[in-house]
Amino acid sequence: MDLNQVTLVAHDYERSVAFYRLLGLRLIVDAPPRYARFECGNGATFSIHVEPGRPPASGIVYFETEDLDARAAALEAAGLAFLSAPRDQSWLWREARLLDPAGNEICLYHAGPNRRFPPWRVEGS
């Protein structure tokens, strides 16, 4: 089974589209004022659906990037505020966290091979 798409609630269509485009996602469906779909570099898709009054998701969406530190610096220079700057984690990833315009938590990270093949991977999987 493959993950196809993740959809998050949005409150402000234009701000949310601008945010995800700034992160580097490619807009492939533009259906204002309620829905937009983006394509990630690996072909997976991500979308927003405007639902005023609905709270943000309680989960965290992770977007991997090879150049985390440079990407985070560029996003900060463009005006985005980070909850946490890029830092190494005990699970062998480097992460930075921020909120999208609706308050959904977004993690930008780099894990390389450790994403799929951490030293503690269950054998035979």
PDB file of N, CA and C in Angstrom:
ATOM      1  N   MET A   1       0.846  -1.164   0.000  1.00  0.00           N
ATOM      2  CA  MET A   1       0.000   0.000   0.000  1.00  0.00           C
ATOM      3  C   MET A   1       0.901   1.240   0.000  1.00  0.00           C
ATOM      4  N   ASP A   2       0.531   2.249  -0.753  1.00  0.00           N
ATOM      5  CA  ASP A   2       1.284   3.496  -0.819  1.00  0.00           C
ATOM      6  C   ASP A   2       0.433   4.648  -0.320  1.00  0.00           C
ATOM      7  N   LEU A   3       1.064   5.562   0.371  1.00  0.00           N
ATOM      8  CA  LEU A   3       0.379   6.779   0.783  1.00  0.00           C
ATOM      9  C   LEU A   3       0.198   7.649  -0.448  1.00  0.00           C
ATOM     10  N   ASN A   4      -1.017   8.075  -0.690  1.00  0.00           N
ATOM     11  CA  ASN A   4      -1.337   8.861  -1.876  1.00  0.00           C
ATOM     12  C   ASN A   4      -1.338  10.341  -1.578  1.00  0.00           C
ATOM     13  N   GLN A   5      -2.090  10.735  -0.549  1.00  0.00           N
ATOM     14  CA  GLN A   5      -2.290  12.159  -0.312  1.00  0.00           C
ATOM     15  C   GLN A   5      -2.642  12.411   1.139  1.00  0.00           C
ATOM     16  N   VAL A   6      -2.246  13.576   1.619  1.00  0.00           N
ATOM     17  CA  VAL A   6      -2.640  14.072   2.930  1.00  0.00           C
ATOM     18  C   VAL A   6      -3.353  15.395   2.699  1.00  0.00           C
ATOM     19  N   THR A   7      -4.477  15.601   3.368  1.00  0.00           N
ATOM     20  CA  THR A   7      -5.230  16.854   3.265  1.00  0.00           C
ATOM     21  C   THR A   7      -5.334  17.472   4.646  1.00  0.00           C
ATOM     22  N   LEU A   8      -5.024  18.766   4.745  1.00  0.00           N
ATOM     23  CA  LEU A   8      -5.163  19.501   5.993  1.00  0.00           C
ATOM     24  C   LEU A   8      -6.229  20.569   5.859  1.00  0.00           C
ATOM     25  N   VAL A   9      -6.838  20.894   6.999  1.00  0.00           N
ATOM     26  CA  VAL A   9      -7.807  21.980   7.033  1.00  0.00           C
ATOM     27  C   VAL A   9      -7.058  23.305   6.877  1.00  0.00           C
ATOM     28  N   ALA A  10      -7.691  24.220   6.185  1.00  0.00           N
ATOM     29  CA  ALA A  10      -7.162  25.582   6.032  1.00  0.00           C
ATOM     30  C   ALA A  10      -8.276  26.550   6.382  1.00  0.00           C
ATOM     31  N   HIS A  11      -7.908  27.769   6.746  1.00  0.00           N
ATOM     32  CA  HIS A  11      -8.901  28.797   7.048  1.00  0.00           C
ATOM     33  C   HIS A  11      -8.850  29.938   6.048  1.00  0.00           C
ATOM     34  N   ASP A  12      -7.676  30.207   5.512  1.00  0.00           N
ATOM     35  CA  ASP A  12      -7.475  31.298   4.562  1.00  0.00           C
ATOM     36  C   ASP A  12      -6.821  30.716   3.315  1.00  0.00           C
ATOM     37  N   TYR A  13      -7.604  30.593   2.253  1.00  0.00           N
ATOM     38  CA  TYR A  13      -7.133  29.938   1.034  1.00  0.00           C
ATOM     39  C   TYR A  13      -5.854  30.568   0.488  1.00  0.00           C
ATOM     40  N   GLU A  14      -5.876  31.869   0.268  1.00  0.00           N
ATOM     41  CA  GLU A  14      -4.732  32.540  -0.355  1.00  0.00           C
ATOM     42  C   GLU A  14      -3.467  32.423   0.498  1.00  0.00           C
ATOM     43  N   ARG A  15      -3.583  32.649   1.800  1.00  0.00           N
ATOM     44  CA  ARG A  15      -2.412  32.543   2.678  1.00  0.00           C
ATOM     45  C   ARG A  15      -1.866  31.125   2.708  1.00  0.00           C
ATOM     46  N   SER A  16      -2.751  30.140   2.726  1.00  0.00           N
ATOM     47  CA  SER A  16      -2.304  28.747   2.774  1.00  0.00           C
ATOM     48  C   SER A  16      -1.626  28.337   1.476  1.00  0.00           C
ATOM     49  N   VAL A  17      -2.199  28.713   0.349  1.00  0.00           N
ATOM     50  CA  VAL A  17      -1.574  28.394  -0.945  1.00  0.00           C
ATOM     51  C   VAL A  17      -0.198  29.046  -1.022  1.00  0.00           C
ATOM     52  N   ALA A  18      -0.099  30.300  -0.626  1.00  0.00           N
ATOM     53  CA  ALA A  18       1.189  31.002  -0.662  1.00  0.00           C
ATOM     54  C   ALA A  18       2.206  30.317   0.257  1.00  0.00           C
ATOM     55  N   PHE A  19       1.767  29.887   1.429  1.00  0.00           N
ATOM     56  CA  PHE A  19       2.650  29.217   2.387  1.00  0.00           C
ATOM     57  C   PHE A  19       3.236  27.943   1.788  1.00  0.00           C
ATOM     58  N   TYR A  20       2.385  27.080   1.253  1.00  0.00           N
ATOM     59  CA  TYR A  20       2.880  25.800   0.741  1.00  0.00           C
ATOM     60  C   TYR A  20       3.692  25.962  -0.544  1.00  0.00           C
ATOM     61  N   ARG A  21       3.370  26.955  -1.338  1.00  0.00           N
ATOM     62  CA  ARG A  21       4.210  27.240  -2.504  1.00  0.00           C
ATOM     63  C   ARG A  21       5.579  27.741  -2.051  1.00  0.00           C
ATOM     64  N   LEU A  22       5.609  28.556  -1.009  1.00  0.00           N
ATOM     65  CA  LEU A  22       6.872  29.045  -0.465  1.00  0.00           C
ATOM     66  C   LEU A  22       7.717  27.890   0.072  1.00  0.00           C
ATOM     67  N   LEU A  23       7.063  26.870   0.643  1.00  0.00           N
ATOM     68  CA  LEU A  23       7.804  25.695   1.108  1.00  0.00           C
ATOM     69  C   LEU A  23       8.445  24.944  -0.052  1.00  0.00           C
ATOM     70  N   GLY A  24       7.913  25.118  -1.254  1.00  0.00           N
ATOM     71  CA  GLY A  24       8.481  24.451  -2.420  1.00  0.00           C
ATOM     72  C   GLY A  24       7.576  23.432  -3.079  1.00  0.00           C
ATOM     73  N   LEU A  25       6.311  23.351  -2.628  1.00  0.00           N
ATOM     74  CA  LEU A  25       5.380  22.422  -3.261  1.00  0.00           C
ATOM     75  C   LEU A  25       4.827  23.047  -4.539  1.00  0.00           C
ATOM     76  N   ARG A  26       4.559  22.199  -5.522  1.00  0.00           N
ATOM     77  CA  ARG A  26       4.054  22.676  -6.821  1.00  0.00           C
ATOM     78  C   ARG A  26       2.536  22.584  -6.847  1.00  0.00           C
ATOM     79  N   LEU A  27       1.879  23.718  -7.069  1.00  0.00           N
ATOM     80  CA  LEU A  27       0.418  23.779  -7.131  1.00  0.00           C
ATOM     81  C   LEU A  27      -0.060  23.082  -8.400  1.00  0.00           C
ATOM     82  N   ILE A  28      -0.922  22.051  -8.250  1.00  0.00           N
ATOM     83  CA  ILE A  28      -1.422  21.329  -9.424  1.00  0.00           C
ATOM     84  C   ILE A  28      -2.941  21.407  -9.565  1.00  0.00           C
ATOM     85  N   VAL A  29      -3.655  21.742  -8.477  1.00  0.00           N
ATOM     86  CA  VAL A  29      -5.096  21.978  -8.550  1.00  0.00           C
ATOM     87  C   VAL A  29      -5.366  23.270  -7.785  1.00  0.00           C
ATOM     88  N   ASP A  30      -5.952  24.233  -8.459  1.00  0.00           N
ATOM     89  CA  ASP A  30      -6.239  25.539  -7.867  1.00  0.00           C
ATOM     90  C   ASP A  30      -7.737  25.767  -7.982  1.00  0.00           C
ATOM     91  N   ALA A  31      -8.475  25.477  -6.906  1.00  0.00           N
ATOM     92  CA  ALA A  31      -9.930  25.583  -6.918  1.00  0.00           C
ATOM     93  C   ALA A  31     -10.397  26.478  -5.772  1.00  0.00           C
ATOM     94  N   PRO A  32     -10.066  27.779  -5.853  1.00  0.00           N
ATOM     95  CA  PRO A  32     -10.482  28.688  -4.794  1.00  0.00           C
ATOM     96  C   PRO A  32     -11.998  28.784  -4.738  1.00  0.00           C
ATOM     97  N   PRO A  33     -12.555  29.041  -3.633  1.00  0.00           N
ATOM     98  CA  PRO A  33     -11.903  29.444  -2.381  1.00  0.00           C
ATOM     99  C   PRO A  33     -11.732  28.299  -1.393  1.00  0.00           C
ATOM    100  N   ARG A  34     -11.901  27.031  -1.846  1.00  0.00           N
ATOM    101  CA  ARG A  34     -11.954  25.935  -0.871  1.00  0.00           C
ATOM    102  C   ARG A  34     -10.874  24.881  -0.981  1.00  0.00           C
ATOM    103  N   TYR A  35     -10.272  24.642  -2.155  1.00  0.00           N
ATOM    104  CA  TYR A  35      -9.412  23.463  -2.294  1.00  0.00           C
ATOM    105  C   TYR A  35      -8.209  23.743  -3.184  1.00  0.00           C
ATOM    106  N   ALA A  36      -7.061  23.245  -2.751  1.00  0.00           N
ATOM    107  CA  ALA A  36      -5.848  23.291  -3.571  1.00  0.00           C
ATOM    108  C   ALA A  36      -5.076  21.999  -3.340  1.00  0.00           C
ATOM    109  N   ARG A  37      -4.459  21.495  -4.397  1.00  0.00           N
ATOM    110  CA  ARG A  37      -3.623  20.296  -4.293  1.00  0.00           C
ATOM    111  C   ARG A  37      -2.241  20.631  -4.821  1.00  0.00           C
ATOM    112  N   PHE A  38      -1.245  20.084  -4.145  1.00  0.00           N
ATOM    113  CA  PHE A  38       0.151  20.316  -4.473  1.00  0.00           C
ATOM    114  C   PHE A  38       0.835  18.987  -4.742  1.00  0.00           C
ATOM    115  N   GLU A  39       1.897  19.053  -5.530  1.00  0.00           N
ATOM    116  CA  GLU A  39       2.694  17.862  -5.786  1.00  0.00           C
ATOM    117  C   GLU A  39       4.051  18.041  -5.130  1.00  0.00           C
ATOM    118  N   CYS A  40       4.488  16.994  -4.453  1.00  0.00           N
ATOM    119  CA  CYS A  40       5.813  16.990  -3.829  1.00  0.00           C
ATOM    120  C   CYS A  40       6.821  16.479  -4.851  1.00  0.00           C
ATOM    121  N   GLY A  41       8.084  16.652  -4.561  1.00  0.00           N
ATOM    122  CA  GLY A  41       9.137  16.237  -5.478  1.00  0.00           C
ATOM    123  C   GLY A  41       9.137  14.748  -5.789  1.00  0.00           C
ATOM    124  N   ASN A  42       8.629  13.919  -4.884  1.00  0.00           N
ATOM    125  CA  ASN A  42       8.611  12.475  -5.104  1.00  0.00           C
ATOM    126  C   ASN A  42       7.313  11.999  -5.764  1.00  0.00           C
ATOM    127  N   GLY A  43       6.425  12.933  -6.131  1.00  0.00           N
ATOM    128  CA  GLY A  43       5.182  12.568  -6.798  1.00  0.00           C
ATOM    129  C   GLY A  43       3.986  12.433  -5.864  1.00  0.00           C
ATOM    130  N   ALA A  44       4.212  12.359  -4.551  1.00  0.00           N
ATOM    131  CA  ALA A  44       3.091  12.316  -3.607  1.00  0.00           C
ATOM    132  C   ALA A  44       2.365  13.654  -3.671  1.00  0.00           C
ATOM    133  N   THR A  45       1.100  13.658  -3.292  1.00  0.00           N
ATOM    134  CA  THR A  45       0.340  14.899  -3.304  1.00  0.00           C
ATOM    135  C   THR A  45      -0.102  15.282  -1.895  1.00  0.00           C
ATOM    136  N   PHE A  46      -0.364  16.556  -1.748  1.00  0.00           N
ATOM    137  CA  PHE A  46      -0.749  17.155  -0.480  1.00  0.00           C
ATOM    138  C   PHE A  46      -1.787  18.204  -0.809  1.00  0.00           C
ATOM    139  N   SER A  47      -2.825  18.332   0.010  1.00  0.00           N
ATOM    140  CA  SER A  47      -3.848  19.323  -0.310  1.00  0.00           C
ATOM    141  C   SER A  47      -4.327  20.053   0.932  1.00  0.00           C
ATOM    142  N   ILE A  48      -5.001  21.166   0.667  1.00  0.00           N
ATOM    143  CA  ILE A  48      -5.671  21.928   1.722  1.00  0.00           C
ATOM    144  C   ILE A  48      -7.142  22.024   1.349  1.00  0.00           C
ATOM    145  N   HIS A  49      -7.986  22.030   2.374  1.00  0.00           N
ATOM    146  CA  HIS A  49      -9.421  22.183   2.186  1.00  0.00           C
ATOM    147  C   HIS A  49      -9.886  23.224   3.188  1.00  0.00           C
ATOM    148  N   VAL A  50     -10.417  24.317   2.709  1.00  0.00           N
ATOM    149  CA  VAL A  50     -10.840  25.405   3.596  1.00  0.00           C
ATOM    150  C   VAL A  50     -12.125  25.012   4.309  1.00  0.00           C
ATOM    151  N   GLU A  51     -12.052  25.021   5.629  1.00  0.00           N
ATOM    152  CA  GLU A  51     -13.200  24.726   6.482  1.00  0.00           C
ATOM    153  C   GLU A  51     -13.164  25.689   7.653  1.00  0.00           C
ATOM    154  N   PRO A  52     -13.778  26.879   7.486  1.00  0.00           N
ATOM    155  CA  PRO A  52     -13.758  27.881   8.561  1.00  0.00           C
ATOM    156  C   PRO A  52     -14.307  27.305   9.861  1.00  0.00           C
ATOM    157  N   GLY A  53     -13.628  27.627  10.950  1.00  0.00           N
ATOM    158  CA  GLY A  53     -14.080  27.182  12.264  1.00  0.00           C
ATOM    159  C   GLY A  53     -13.590  25.805  12.663  1.00  0.00           C
ATOM    160  N   ARG A  54     -13.141  25.004  11.719  1.00  0.00           N
ATOM    161  CA  ARG A  54     -12.630  23.677  12.076  1.00  0.00           C
ATOM    162  C   ARG A  54     -11.207  23.832  12.604  1.00  0.00           C
ATOM    163  N   PRO A  55     -10.886  23.166  13.717  1.00  0.00           N
ATOM    164  CA  PRO A  55      -9.547  23.320  14.289  1.00  0.00           C
ATOM    165  C   PRO A  55      -8.487  22.648  13.409  1.00  0.00           C
ATOM    166  N   PRO A  56      -7.218  23.060  13.587  1.00  0.00           N
ATOM    167  CA  PRO A  56      -6.145  22.420  12.827  1.00  0.00           C
ATOM    168  C   PRO A  56      -6.003  20.957  13.239  1.00  0.00           C
ATOM    169  N   ALA A  57      -5.287  20.206  12.432  1.00  0.00           N
ATOM    170  CA  ALA A  57      -5.061  18.787  12.719  1.00  0.00           C
ATOM    171  C   ALA A  57      -4.191  18.634  13.959  1.00  0.00           C
ATOM    172  N   SER A  58      -4.351  17.531  14.672  1.00  0.00           N
ATOM    173  CA  SER A  58      -3.529  17.298  15.848  1.00  0.00           C
ATOM    174  C   SER A  58      -2.248  16.555  15.496  1.00  0.00           C
ATOM    175  N   GLY A  59      -2.123  16.099  14.261  1.00  0.00           N
ATOM    176  CA  GLY A  59      -0.914  15.418  13.826  1.00  0.00           C
ATOM    177  C   GLY A  59       0.131  16.404  13.325  1.00  0.00           C
ATOM    178  N   ILE A  60       1.217  15.871  12.817  1.00  0.00           N
ATOM    179  CA  ILE A  60       2.310  16.668  12.257  1.00  0.00           C
ATOM    180  C   ILE A  60       2.580  16.149  10.857  1.00  0.00           C
ATOM    181  N   VAL A  61       2.700  17.053   9.895  1.00  0.00           N
ATOM    182  CA  VAL A  61       3.036  16.660   8.525  1.00  0.00           C
ATOM    183  C   VAL A  61       4.522  16.913   8.328  1.00  0.00           C
ATOM    184  N   TYR A  62       5.215  15.913   7.805  1.00  0.00           N
ATOM    185  CA  TYR A  62       6.660  15.971   7.585  1.00  0.00           C
ATOM    186  C   TYR A  62       6.955  16.101   6.098  1.00  0.00           C
ATOM    187  N   PHE A  63       7.797  17.075   5.771  1.00  0.00           N
ATOM    188  CA  PHE A  63       8.290  17.243   4.408  1.00  0.00           C
ATOM    189  C   PHE A  63       9.809  17.133   4.464  1.00  0.00           C
ATOM    190  N   GLU A  64      10.359  16.200   3.700  1.00  0.00           N
ATOM    191  CA  GLU A  64      11.817  16.018   3.712  1.00  0.00           C
ATOM    192  C   GLU A  64      12.479  16.870   2.643  1.00  0.00           C
ATOM    193  N   THR A  65      13.623  17.429   3.011  1.00  0.00           N
ATOM    194  CA  THR A  65      14.413  18.228   2.087  1.00  0.00           C
ATOM    195  C   THR A  65      15.890  17.937   2.324  1.00  0.00           C
ATOM    196  N   GLU A  66      16.647  17.833   1.255  1.00  0.00           N
ATOM    197  CA  GLU A  66      18.081  17.567   1.353  1.00  0.00           C
ATOM    198  C   GLU A  66      18.816  18.733   1.998  1.00  0.00           C
ATOM    199  N   ASP A  67      18.369  19.944   1.727  1.00  0.00           N
ATOM    200  CA  ASP A  67      19.069  21.160   2.150  1.00  0.00           C
ATOM    201  C   ASP A  67      18.317  21.867   3.270  1.00  0.00           C
ATOM    202  N   LEU A  68      18.054  21.164   4.366  1.00  0.00           N
ATOM    203  CA  LEU A  68      17.212  21.686   5.434  1.00  0.00           C
ATOM    204  C   LEU A  68      17.684  23.038   5.957  1.00  0.00           C
ATOM    205  N   ASP A  69      18.957  23.170   6.272  1.00  0.00           N
ATOM    206  CA  ASP A  69      19.434  24.418   6.878  1.00  0.00           C
ATOM    207  C   ASP A  69      19.288  25.599   5.924  1.00  0.00           C
ATOM    208  N   ALA A  70      19.654  25.410   4.675  1.00  0.00           N
ATOM    209  CA  ALA A  70      19.520  26.488   3.695  1.00  0.00           C
ATOM    210  C   ALA A  70      18.053  26.803   3.440  1.00  0.00           C
ATOM    211  N   ARG A  71      17.208  25.773   3.344  1.00  0.00           N
ATOM    212  CA  ARG A  71      15.781  25.986   3.117  1.00  0.00           C
ATOM    213  C   ARG A  71      15.153  26.733   4.279  1.00  0.00           C
ATOM    214  N   ALA A  72      15.475  26.338   5.511  1.00  0.00           N
ATOM    215  CA  ALA A  72      14.923  27.015   6.692  1.00  0.00           C
ATOM    216  C   ALA A  72      15.391  28.468   6.741  1.00  0.00           C
ATOM    217  N   ALA A  73      16.643  28.724   6.420  1.00  0.00           N
ATOM    218  CA  ALA A  73      17.154  30.098   6.424  1.00  0.00           C
ATOM    219  C   ALA A  73      16.431  30.945   5.378  1.00  0.00           C
ATOM    220  N   ALA A  74      16.193  30.391   4.204  1.00  0.00           N
ATOM    221  CA  ALA A  74      15.492  31.125   3.146  1.00  0.00           C
ATOM    222  C   ALA A  74      14.047  31.405   3.541  1.00  0.00           C
ATOM    223  N   LEU A  75      13.392  30.435   4.159  1.00  0.00           N
ATOM    224  CA  LEU A  75      12.008  30.624   4.589  1.00  0.00           C
ATOM    225  C   LEU A  75      11.923  31.663   5.701  1.00  0.00           C
ATOM    226  N   GLU A  76      12.874  31.637   6.613  1.00  0.00           N
ATOM    227  CA  GLU A  76      12.895  32.629   7.681  1.00  0.00           C
ATOM    228  C   GLU A  76      13.134  34.033   7.105  1.00  0.00           C
ATOM    229  N   ALA A  77      14.029  34.120   6.120  1.00  0.00           N
ATOM    230  CA  ALA A  77      14.293  35.407   5.472  1.00  0.00           C
ATOM    231  C   ALA A  77      13.057  35.914   4.727  1.00  0.00           C
ATOM    232  N   ALA A  78      12.208  34.968   4.279  1.00  0.00           N
ATOM    233  CA  ALA A  78      10.973  35.335   3.581  1.00  0.00           C
ATOM    234  C   ALA A  78       9.841  35.687   4.555  1.00  0.00           C
ATOM    235  N   GLY A  79      10.123  35.604   5.858  1.00  0.00           N
ATOM    236  CA  GLY A  79       9.133  36.033   6.845  1.00  0.00           C
ATOM    237  C   GLY A  79       8.450  34.940   7.637  1.00  0.00           C
ATOM    238  N   LEU A  80       8.781  33.676   7.413  1.00  0.00           N
ATOM    239  CA  LEU A  80       8.156  32.609   8.189  1.00  0.00           C
ATOM    240  C   LEU A  80       8.843  32.467   9.535  1.00  0.00           C
ATOM    241  N   ALA A  81       8.050  32.253  10.577  1.00  0.00           N
ATOM    242  CA  ALA A  81       8.577  32.070  11.927  1.00  0.00           C
ATOM    243  C   ALA A  81       8.592  30.577  12.255  1.00  0.00           C
ATOM    244  N   PHE A  82       9.702  30.107  12.779  1.00  0.00           N
ATOM    245  CA  PHE A  82       9.849  28.700  13.138  1.00  0.00           C
ATOM    246  C   PHE A  82       9.597  28.490  14.620  1.00  0.00           C
ATOM    247  N   LEU A  83       8.953  27.374  14.951  1.00  0.00           N
ATOM    248  CA  LEU A  83       8.803  26.970  16.347  1.00  0.00           C
ATOM    249  C   LEU A  83      10.143  26.495  16.888  1.00  0.00           C
ATOM    250  N   SER A  84      10.895  25.818  16.021  1.00  0.00           N
ATOM    251  CA  SER A  84      12.237  25.361  16.385  1.00  0.00           C
ATOM    252  C   SER A  84      13.111  25.381  15.136  1.00  0.00           C
ATOM    253  N   ALA A  85      14.323  25.886  15.316  1.00  0.00           N
ATOM    254  CA  ALA A  85      15.299  25.952  14.224  1.00  0.00           C
ATOM    255  C   ALA A  85      15.821  24.541  13.932  1.00  0.00           C
ATOM    256  N   PRO A  86      16.472  24.341  12.800  1.00  0.00           N
ATOM    257  CA  PRO A  86      17.021  23.016  12.500  1.00  0.00           C
ATOM    258  C   PRO A  86      17.949  22.526  13.610  1.00  0.00           C
ATOM    259  N   ARG A  87      17.710  21.298  14.025  1.00  0.00           N
ATOM    260  CA  ARG A  87      18.576  20.696  15.039  1.00  0.00           C
ATOM    261  C   ARG A  87      18.551  19.187  14.894  1.00  0.00           C
ATOM    262  N   ASP A  88      19.648  18.569  15.300  1.00  0.00           N
ATOM    263  CA  ASP A  88      19.767  17.117  15.243  1.00  0.00           C
ATOM    264  C   ASP A  88      18.920  16.493  16.339  1.00  0.00           C
ATOM    265  N   GLN A  89      18.261  15.380  15.997  1.00  0.00           N
ATOM    266  CA  GLN A  89      17.410  14.659  16.932  1.00  0.00           C
ATOM    267  C   GLN A  89      18.034  13.310  17.273  1.00  0.00           C
ATOM    268  N   SER A  90      17.636  12.731  18.387  1.00  0.00           N
ATOM    269  CA  SER A  90      18.189  11.443  18.822  1.00  0.00           C
ATOM    270  C   SER A  90      17.808  10.300  17.888  1.00  0.00           C
ATOM    271  N   TRP A  91      16.772  10.488  17.069  1.00  0.00           N
ATOM    272  CA  TRP A  91      16.347   9.449  16.130  1.00  0.00           C
ATOM    273  C   TRP A  91      17.050   9.602  14.779  1.00  0.00           C
ATOM    274  N   LEU A  92      18.140  10.367  14.759  1.00  0.00           N
ATOM    275  CA  LEU A  92      19.050  10.497  13.614  1.00  0.00           C
ATOM    276  C   LEU A  92      18.486  11.318  12.462  1.00  0.00           C
ATOM    277  N   TRP A  93      17.538  12.211  12.759  1.00  0.00           N
ATOM    278  CA  TRP A  93      17.010  13.151  11.777  1.00  0.00           C
ATOM    279  C   TRP A  93      17.418  14.547  12.194  1.00  0.00           C
ATOM    280  N   ARG A  94      17.455  15.451  11.251  1.00  0.00           N
ATOM    281  CA  ARG A  94      17.623  16.870  11.542  1.00  0.00           C
ATOM    282  C   ARG A  94      16.289  17.519  11.205  1.00  0.00           C
ATOM    283  N   GLU A  95      15.717  18.280  12.149  1.00  0.00           N
ATOM    284  CA  GLU A  95      14.357  18.807  11.986  1.00  0.00           C
ATOM    285  C   GLU A  95      14.259  20.287  12.326  1.00  0.00           C
ATOM    286  N   ALA A  96      13.287  20.929  11.696  1.00  0.00           N
ATOM    287  CA  ALA A  96      12.852  22.281  12.042  1.00  0.00           C
ATOM    288  C   ALA A  96      11.330  22.253  11.991  1.00  0.00           C
ATOM    289  N   ARG A  97      10.682  22.988  12.885  1.00  0.00           N
ATOM    290  CA  ARG A  97       9.215  22.960  12.944  1.00  0.00           C
ATOM    291  C   ARG A  97       8.631  24.361  12.857  1.00  0.00           C
ATOM    292  N   LEU A  98       7.453  24.435  12.215  1.00  0.00           N
ATOM    293  CA  LEU A  98       6.716  25.682  12.088  1.00  0.00           C
ATOM    294  C   LEU A  98       5.237  25.372  11.964  1.00  0.00           C
ATOM    295  N   LEU A  99       4.408  26.409  11.996  1.00  0.00           N
ATOM    296  CA  LEU A  99       2.962  26.259  11.835  1.00  0.00           C
ATOM    297  C   LEU A  99       2.543  26.861  10.514  1.00  0.00           C
ATOM    298  N   ASP A 100       1.577  26.215   9.857  1.00  0.00           N
ATOM    299  CA  ASP A 100       1.017  26.810   8.642  1.00  0.00           C
ATOM    300  C   ASP A 100      -0.004  27.875   9.057  1.00  0.00           C
ATOM    301  N   PRO A 101      -0.597  28.614   8.111  1.00  0.00           N
ATOM    302  CA  PRO A 101      -1.524  29.690   8.477  1.00  0.00           C
ATOM    303  C   PRO A 101      -2.741  29.250   9.293  1.00  0.00           C
ATOM    304  N   ALA A 102      -3.141  27.973   9.221  1.00  0.00           N
ATOM    305  CA  ALA A 102      -4.285  27.487   9.995  1.00  0.00           C
ATOM    306  C   ALA A 102      -3.872  26.943  11.361  1.00  0.00           C
ATOM    307  N   GLY A 103      -2.560  26.864  11.606  1.00  0.00           N
ATOM    308  CA  GLY A 103      -2.077  26.338  12.871  1.00  0.00           C
ATOM    309  C   GLY A 103      -1.688  24.872  12.838  1.00  0.00           C
ATOM    310  N   ASN A 104      -1.668  24.251  11.659  1.00  0.00           N
ATOM    311  CA  ASN A 104      -1.211  22.871  11.531  1.00  0.00           C
ATOM    312  C   ASN A 104       0.302  22.835  11.695  1.00  0.00           C
ATOM    313  N   GLU A 105       0.802  21.861  12.457  1.00  0.00           N
ATOM    314  CA  GLU A 105       2.251  21.766  12.654  1.00  0.00           C
ATOM    315  C   GLU A 105       2.904  21.082  11.457  1.00  0.00           C
ATOM    316  N   ILE A 106       3.971  21.702  10.990  1.00  0.00           N
ATOM    317  CA  ILE A 106       4.730  21.209   9.848  1.00  0.00           C
ATOM    318  C   ILE A 106       6.164  20.988  10.302  1.00  0.00           C
ATOM    319  N   CYS A 107       6.723  19.843   9.957  1.00  0.00           N
ATOM    320  CA  CYS A 107       8.114  19.547  10.264  1.00  0.00           C
ATOM    321  C   CYS A 107       8.861  19.444   8.941  1.00  0.00           C
ATOM    322  N   LEU A 108       9.886  20.251   8.780  1.00  0.00           N
ATOM    323  CA  LEU A 108      10.805  20.121   7.658  1.00  0.00           C
ATOM    324  C   LEU A 108      12.001  19.360   8.205  1.00  0.00           C
ATOM    325  N   TYR A 109      12.455  18.356   7.484  1.00  0.00           N
ATOM    326  CA  TYR A 109      13.503  17.512   8.040  1.00  0.00           C
ATOM    327  C   TYR A 109      14.385  16.927   6.960  1.00  0.00           C
ATOM    328  N   HIS A 110      15.502  16.380   7.409  1.00  0.00           N
ATOM    329  CA  HIS A 110      16.357  15.558   6.544  1.00  0.00           C
ATOM    330  C   HIS A 110      16.743  14.326   7.345  1.00  0.00           C
ATOM    331  N   ALA A 111      16.464  13.165   6.781  1.00  0.00           N
ATOM    332  CA  ALA A 111      16.789  11.905   7.448  1.00  0.00           C
ATOM    333  C   ALA A 111      17.675  11.025   6.593  1.00  0.00           C
ATOM    334  N   GLY A 112      17.678  11.246   5.279  1.00  0.00           N
ATOM    335  CA  GLY A 112      18.459  10.374   4.406  1.00  0.00           C
ATOM    336  C   GLY A 112      18.006   8.934   4.562  1.00  0.00           C
ATOM    337  N   PRO A 113      18.942   7.990   4.513  1.00  0.00           N
ATOM    338  CA  PRO A 113      18.570   6.569   4.612  1.00  0.00           C
ATOM    339  C   PRO A 113      17.949   6.198   5.958  1.00  0.00           C
ATOM    340  N   ASN A 114      18.197   6.997   6.996  1.00  0.00           N
ATOM    341  CA  ASN A 114      17.642   6.665   8.318  1.00  0.00           C
ATOM    342  C   ASN A 114      16.124   6.758   8.372  1.00  0.00           C
ATOM    343  N   ARG A 115      15.497   7.421   7.394  1.00  0.00           N
ATOM    344  CA  ARG A 115      14.035   7.473   7.386  1.00  0.00           C
ATOM    345  C   ARG A 115      13.463   6.071   7.216  1.00  0.00           C
ATOM    346  N   ARG A 116      13.988   5.331   6.260  1.00  0.00           N
ATOM    347  CA  ARG A 116      13.468   3.978   6.007  1.00  0.00           C
ATOM    348  C   ARG A 116      14.292   2.885   6.657  1.00  0.00           C
ATOM    349  N   PHE A 117      15.548   3.173   6.909  1.00  0.00           N
ATOM    350  CA  PHE A 117      16.450   2.129   7.415  1.00  0.00           C
ATOM    351  C   PHE A 117      17.218   2.584   8.653  1.00  0.00           C
ATOM    352  N   PRO A 118      16.495   2.917   9.740  1.00  0.00           N
ATOM    353  CA  PRO A 118      17.199   3.302  10.969  1.00  0.00           C
ATOM    354  C   PRO A 118      17.910   2.082  11.557  1.00  0.00           C
ATOM    355  N   PRO A 119      18.919   2.296  12.375  1.00  0.00           N
ATOM    356  CA  PRO A 119      19.632   1.164  12.980  1.00  0.00           C
ATOM    357  C   PRO A 119      18.713   0.231  13.766  1.00  0.00           C
ATOM    358  N   TRP A 120      17.573   0.721  14.241  1.00  0.00           N
ATOM    359  CA  TRP A 120      16.643  -0.090  15.043  1.00  0.00           C
ATOM    360  C   TRP A 120      15.475  -0.645  14.212  1.00  0.00           C
ATOM    361  N   ARG A 121      15.613  -0.624  12.888  1.00  0.00           N
ATOM    362  CA  ARG A 121      14.548  -1.145  12.012  1.00  0.00           C
ATOM    363  C   ARG A 121      14.250  -2.600  12.375  1.00  0.00           C
ATOM    364  N   VAL A 122      12.976  -2.953  12.350  1.00  0.00           N
ATOM    365  CA  VAL A 122      12.549  -4.327  12.641  1.00  0.00           C
ATOM    366  C   VAL A 122      13.032  -5.228  11.516  1.00  0.00           C
ATOM    367  N   GLU A 123      13.765  -6.265  11.855  1.00  0.00           N
ATOM    368  CA  GLU A 123      14.294  -7.192  10.860  1.00  0.00           C
ATOM    369  C   GLU A 123      13.166  -7.911  10.114  1.00  0.00           C
ATOM    370  N   GLY A 124      13.374  -8.159   8.844  1.00  0.00           N
ATOM    371  CA  GLY A 124      12.407  -8.877   8.042  1.00  0.00           C
ATOM    372  C   GLY A 124      11.259  -8.020   7.536  1.00  0.00           C
ATOM    373  N   SER A 125      11.311  -6.721   7.800  1.00  0.00           N
ATOM    374  CA  SER A 125      10.203  -5.866   7.336  1.00  0.00           C
ATOM    375  C   SER A 125      10.547  -5.194   6.034  1.00  0.00           C
TER     376      SER A 125
END
